Amino acid sequence: MKKYIIYIVSAVAGITISMIDNYAMNGEISPIVIVMLLFLSVTALSAFNPNNVWLNALLVWIWLPASHLIKHLLEMPDSIYPNTYKSILLLALFTFTICIVGLLIGIGIRRVLRTVL
């Protein structure tokens, strides 16, 4: 049961970050805030949960590009410019890279904490 809770936490973190990004329609929130939220969420989940860190990272990451893709398919206004499949793909690749870096740093933090403690 405990492992499912961490998956739910990961998904809720990703959905929340996506909602914050969608709130930024008029430029109230800098994109660096979204990047930092993704990075910190994945780093924390990877550092404190040794099981299935890749799945946790995917559950945090997938919501952001998916929300932009859905908005593009529904022809809704979006904060991404230009709102094309290419820009959504580039966003997905960039945020995936950020999540992978956070994942690796989180694993490193966990290893350091394990040797220190």
Protein backbone atom coordinates (compact mmCIF):
# COMPACT_ATOMS: atom_id res chain seq x y z
CA MET A 1 0.00 0.00 0.00
CA LYS A 2 2.87 2.37 0.81
CA LYS A 3 4.29 2.24 -2.70
CA TYR A 4 0.96 3.25 -4.18
CA ILE A 5 0.83 6.29 -1.93
CA ILE A 6 4.15 7.53 -3.31
CA TYR A 7 2.81 7.08 -6.84
CA ILE A 8 -0.23 9.14 -5.92
CA VAL A 9 2.03 11.81 -4.39
CA SER A 10 4.12 11.84 -7.58
CA ALA A 11 1.05 12.21 -9.80
CA VAL A 12 -0.44 14.92 -7.58
CA ALA A 13 2.87 16.82 -7.69
CA GLY A 14 2.90 16.61 -11.48
CA ILE A 15 -0.74 17.65 -11.80
CA THR A 16 -0.16 20.57 -9.42
CA ILE A 17 2.86 21.77 -11.41
CA SER A 18 0.84 21.49 -14.61
CA MET A 19 -2.00 23.48 -13.05
CA ILE A 20 0.45 26.19 -11.93
CA ASP A 21 1.84 26.32 -15.47
CA ASN A 22 -1.66 26.61 -16.93
CA TYR A 23 -2.41 29.42 -14.48
CA ALA A 24 0.52 31.34 -15.97
CA MET A 25 -1.49 32.26 -19.06
CA ASN A 26 -0.94 35.98 -18.61
CA GLY A 27 2.70 35.71 -17.60
CA GLU A 28 2.24 35.88 -13.83
CA ILE A 29 4.60 32.94 -13.28
CA SER A 30 8.05 32.66 -14.76
CA PRO A 31 8.86 29.42 -16.61
CA ILE A 32 11.89 29.01 -14.34
CA VAL A 33 9.48 28.48 -11.45
CA ILE A 34 7.92 25.54 -13.30
CA VAL A 35 11.37 24.13 -14.07
CA MET A 36 12.43 24.46 -10.43
CA LEU A 37 9.22 22.83 -9.21
CA LEU A 38 9.78 19.87 -11.53
CA PHE A 39 13.43 19.60 -10.52
CA LEU A 40 12.80 19.85 -6.77
CA SER A 41 9.84 17.46 -6.82
CA VAL A 42 11.72 14.75 -8.67
CA THR A 43 14.87 15.28 -6.60
CA ALA A 44 12.96 14.98 -3.32
CA LEU A 45 11.01 11.92 -4.45
CA SER A 46 14.20 10.24 -5.67
CA ALA A 47 16.15 11.08 -2.53
CA PHE A 48 13.59 9.81 -0.06
CA ASN A 49 11.99 6.93 -1.93
CA PRO A 50 14.38 4.25 -3.21
CA ASN A 51 11.71 2.23 -5.02
CA ASN A 52 10.85 2.86 -8.67
CA VAL A 53 12.42 6.29 -8.90
CA TRP A 54 12.00 6.24 -12.69
CA LEU A 55 8.26 5.70 -12.40
CA ASN A 56 7.99 8.51 -9.86
CA ALA A 57 9.88 10.86 -12.19
CA LEU A 58 7.61 9.93 -15.11
CA LEU A 59 4.50 10.48 -13.00
CA VAL A 60 5.70 13.98 -12.13
CA TRP A 61 6.86 14.83 -15.65
CA ILE A 62 4.12 13.50 -17.96
CA TRP A 63 1.37 15.92 -16.91
CA LEU A 64 3.07 19.08 -18.14
CA PRO A 65 3.61 18.12 -21.79
CA ALA A 66 0.31 16.23 -21.81
CA SER A 67 -1.63 19.31 -20.72
CA HIS A 68 -0.05 21.41 -23.48
CA LEU A 69 -0.74 18.70 -26.05
CA ILE A 70 -4.38 18.41 -24.99
CA LYS A 71 -4.83 22.18 -25.11
CA HIS A 72 -3.28 22.24 -28.58
CA LEU A 73 -5.52 19.42 -29.81
CA LEU A 74 -8.58 21.22 -28.45
CA GLU A 75 -7.37 24.50 -30.01
CA MET A 76 -7.42 26.27 -26.67
CA PRO A 77 -5.18 29.26 -25.96
CA ASP A 78 -1.95 28.26 -24.28
CA SER A 79 1.07 29.86 -22.63
CA ILE A 80 3.50 28.07 -24.93
CA TYR A 81 4.57 30.07 -27.96
CA PRO A 82 4.44 29.12 -30.74
CA ASN A 83 1.75 26.61 -29.92
CA THR A 84 2.91 23.89 -32.33
CA TYR A 85 3.65 20.19 -32.05
CA LYS A 86 7.34 20.95 -32.41
CA SER A 87 7.37 23.39 -29.50
CA ILE A 88 5.39 20.94 -27.36
CA LEU A 89 7.92 18.22 -28.22
CA LEU A 90 10.80 20.54 -27.34
CA LEU A 91 9.08 21.40 -24.06
CA ALA A 92 8.64 17.69 -23.34
CA LEU A 93 12.29 16.93 -24.08
CA PHE A 94 13.53 19.87 -22.01
CA THR A 95 11.37 19.08 -18.99
CA PHE A 96 12.21 15.38 -19.28
CA THR A 97 15.90 16.30 -19.15
CA ILE A 98 15.28 18.44 -16.06
CA CYS A 99 13.48 15.52 -14.40
CA ILE A 100 16.31 13.11 -15.25
CA VAL A 101 18.88 15.49 -13.76
CA GLY A 102 16.71 15.80 -10.64
CA LEU A 103 16.38 12.03 -10.49
CA LEU A 104 20.13 11.50 -10.68
CA ILE A 105 20.83 14.16 -8.06
CA GLY A 106 18.17 12.64 -5.80
CA ILE A 107 19.79 9.22 -6.13
CA GLY A 108 23.14 10.81 -5.30
CA ILE A 109 21.69 12.52 -2.24
CA ARG A 110 20.22 9.22 -1.07
CA ARG A 111 23.59 7.48 -1.45
CA VAL A 112 25.40 10.22 0.44
CA LEU A 113 22.83 10.14 3.23
CA ARG A 114 23.07 6.36 3.43
CA THR A 115 26.87 6.48 3.86
CA VAL A 116 26.78 9.38 6.31
CA LEU A 117 23.96 8.04 8.47
